[in-house]
Amino acid sequence: MYGDMPYTIQKIKEGVFMFDLNSSSQIPLNEQIVEQTKLMIAQGILIDGDTMPSVRDLSKALLINQSTVQKAYNKLKEEGILLTKKGLGTFVSLDDEIIDVKKEKLEKKLYDIFLKCIFYGISFEKIKNIYEKSKEDSNGCGSNEPL
């Protein structure tokens, strides 16, 4: 799904990140911000407690509407990845309990998907190839837990 999204994200300094948004992509900009933020966490570029740019600063830097950034931040907050402290800013907040619940839900989804694969005769080799392709598309961040 995210194969056409560029992955040249880097943390320049505390609170300053380089997102690479593709305005011609079918993926909405706010979703690109969400996925690239998750990828930065998976790659260790962002860690628990890191300060995120303000909505205003990030929208200015990316030359996009503030509501687009706000929508992305809201989704990340809903998922327990970001936390906003009034007057202090927005921070990466990786709650182990939330992550464990997400892993459990993901495992259940995978189980259901594997049952469907078996039903439709999709081979283990094909599943393995899809896994390897997705790992490759995520810049090989497989040693870290994806969110």
Protein backbone atom coordinates (compact mmCIF):
# COMPACT_ATOMS: atom_id res chain seq x y z
CA MET A 1 0.00 0.00 0.00
CA TYR A 2 2.80 2.40 0.83
CA GLY A 3 5.22 1.28 -1.85
CA ASP A 4 5.13 4.62 -3.66
CA MET A 5 5.97 6.62 -0.54
CA PRO A 6 9.56 7.88 -0.40
CA TYR A 7 11.50 7.02 2.73
CA THR A 8 14.18 9.65 3.11
CA ILE A 9 13.25 10.76 6.60
CA GLN A 10 15.80 11.93 9.06
CA LYS A 11 16.04 13.70 12.35
CA ILE A 12 18.04 16.86 11.78
CA LYS A 13 18.09 17.92 15.44
CA GLU A 14 15.76 17.82 18.45
CA GLY A 15 12.29 18.69 17.20
CA VAL A 16 13.39 19.10 13.57
CA PHE A 17 12.69 16.30 11.11
CA MET A 18 12.88 15.91 7.39
CA PHE A 19 9.71 14.40 5.98
CA ASP A 20 9.61 13.56 2.30
CA LEU A 21 5.99 14.02 1.24
CA ASN A 22 4.82 13.11 -2.23
CA SER A 23 1.97 15.41 -3.24
CA SER A 24 1.30 13.38 -6.40
CA SER A 25 0.83 10.16 -4.41
CA GLN A 26 -2.61 8.63 -3.96
CA ILE A 27 -1.82 8.49 -0.24
CA PRO A 28 -3.11 11.63 1.53
CA LEU A 29 -0.43 13.89 3.00
CA ASN A 30 -1.65 13.38 6.57
CA GLU A 31 -1.33 9.60 6.15
CA GLN A 32 2.18 10.04 4.75
CA ILE A 33 3.11 12.02 7.88
CA VAL A 34 1.63 9.29 10.10
CA GLU A 35 3.44 6.48 8.29
CA GLN A 36 6.75 8.34 8.08
CA THR A 37 6.56 9.17 11.80
CA LYS A 38 5.97 5.48 12.56
CA LEU A 39 8.89 4.57 10.32
CA MET A 40 11.17 7.06 12.12
CA ILE A 41 10.22 5.36 15.39
CA ALA A 42 10.80 1.88 13.95
CA GLN A 43 14.22 2.97 12.67
CA GLY A 44 15.18 4.57 15.99
CA ILE A 45 15.31 8.08 14.52
CA LEU A 46 12.56 9.06 16.97
CA ILE A 47 12.60 7.68 20.49
CA ASP A 48 10.34 7.89 23.52
CA GLY A 49 10.31 11.44 24.89
CA ASP A 50 11.49 13.18 21.70
CA THR A 51 9.86 16.54 21.02
CA MET A 52 7.86 16.80 17.81
CA PRO A 53 7.66 20.03 15.82
CA SER A 54 4.58 22.12 16.55
CA VAL A 55 1.70 21.82 14.10
CA ARG A 56 2.42 25.35 12.90
CA ASP A 57 6.17 24.80 12.49
CA LEU A 58 5.76 21.50 10.65
CA SER A 59 3.07 22.85 8.33
CA LYS A 60 5.31 25.84 7.49
CA ALA A 61 8.33 23.62 6.88
CA LEU A 62 6.35 21.25 4.64
CA LEU A 63 4.38 24.05 2.96
CA ILE A 64 1.07 22.37 3.75
CA ASN A 65 -2.10 23.32 5.60
CA GLN A 66 -2.00 23.19 9.41
CA SER A 67 -5.15 21.05 9.43
CA THR A 68 -3.27 18.35 7.49
CA VAL A 69 -0.58 18.17 10.17
CA GLN A 70 -3.19 18.38 12.94
CA LYS A 71 -5.08 15.45 11.41
CA ALA A 72 -1.86 13.39 11.35
CA TYR A 73 -0.97 14.31 14.93
CA ASN A 74 -4.51 13.47 16.10
CA LYS A 75 -4.27 10.01 14.53
CA LEU A 76 -0.88 9.44 16.16
CA LYS A 77 -2.32 10.57 19.51
CA GLU A 78 -5.29 8.20 19.12
CA GLU A 79 -2.83 5.38 18.51
CA GLY A 80 -0.88 6.27 21.66
CA ILE A 81 2.23 7.28 19.73
CA LEU A 82 2.17 11.01 20.48
CA LEU A 83 1.26 12.89 23.63
CA THR A 84 0.58 16.63 23.86
CA LYS A 85 1.35 18.42 27.12
CA LYS A 86 -0.35 21.81 27.30
CA GLY A 87 2.24 24.58 27.15
CA LEU A 88 5.13 22.14 26.64
CA GLY A 89 4.54 20.63 23.21
CA THR A 90 4.00 17.28 21.55
CA PHE A 91 6.18 14.31 22.39
CA VAL A 92 6.76 10.75 21.26
CA SER A 93 5.14 8.57 23.92
CA LEU A 94 5.68 4.87 23.46
CA ASP A 95 3.53 3.21 26.11
CA ASP A 96 4.52 -0.48 26.35
CA GLU A 97 0.98 -1.54 27.28
CA ILE A 98 -0.49 0.18 24.21
CA ILE A 99 2.18 -1.38 22.00
CA ASP A 100 1.47 -4.84 23.47
CA VAL A 101 -2.26 -4.44 22.78
CA LYS A 102 -1.49 -3.36 19.20
CA LYS A 103 0.78 -6.38 18.70
CA GLU A 104 -1.94 -8.68 20.01
CA LYS A 105 -4.54 -7.18 17.65
CA LEU A 106 -2.10 -7.44 14.75
CA GLU A 107 -1.41 -11.10 15.50
CA LYS A 108 -5.15 -11.81 15.43
CA LYS A 109 -5.45 -10.03 12.07
CA LEU A 110 -2.50 -12.01 10.72
CA TYR A 111 -4.11 -15.25 11.88
CA ASP A 112 -7.30 -14.37 9.99
CA ILE A 113 -5.30 -13.40 6.91
CA PHE A 114 -3.34 -16.68 7.02
CA LEU A 115 -6.61 -18.64 7.23
CA LYS A 116 -7.81 -16.83 4.10
CA CYS A 117 -4.48 -17.52 2.38
CA ILE A 118 -4.86 -21.23 3.13
CA PHE A 119 -8.47 -21.19 1.91
CA TYR A 120 -7.50 -19.53 -1.39
CA GLY A 121 -4.43 -21.72 -1.87
CA ILE A 122 -1.81 -19.00 -1.52
CA SER A 123 1.50 -20.76 -0.93
CA PHE A 124 3.82 -20.19 1.99
CA GLU A 125 6.48 -19.17 -0.54
CA LYS A 126 4.19 -16.42 -1.90
CA ILE A 127 3.43 -15.20 1.64
CA LYS A 128 7.15 -15.19 2.42
CA ASN A 129 7.86 -13.17 -0.74
CA ILE A 130 5.21 -10.61 0.25
CA TYR A 131 6.75 -10.38 3.72
CA GLU A 132 10.26 -9.90 2.29
CA LYS A 133 8.99 -7.21 -0.12
CA SER A 134 7.26 -5.32 2.69
CA LYS A 135 10.40 -5.58 4.83
CA GLU A 136 12.44 -4.24 1.91
CA ASP A 137 9.97 -1.38 1.34
CA SER A 138 10.27 -0.38 5.00
CA ASN A 139 14.06 0.07 4.61
CA GLY A 140 14.78 -3.14 6.49
CA CYS A 141 13.67 -1.92 9.89
CA GLY A 142 12.65 -5.48 10.74
CA SER A 143 14.88 -5.73 13.80
CA ASN A 144 12.71 -3.09 15.49
CA GLU A 145 9.05 -3.58 16.23
CA PRO A 146 6.90 -1.79 13.65
CA LEU A 147 3.95 0.14 15.03
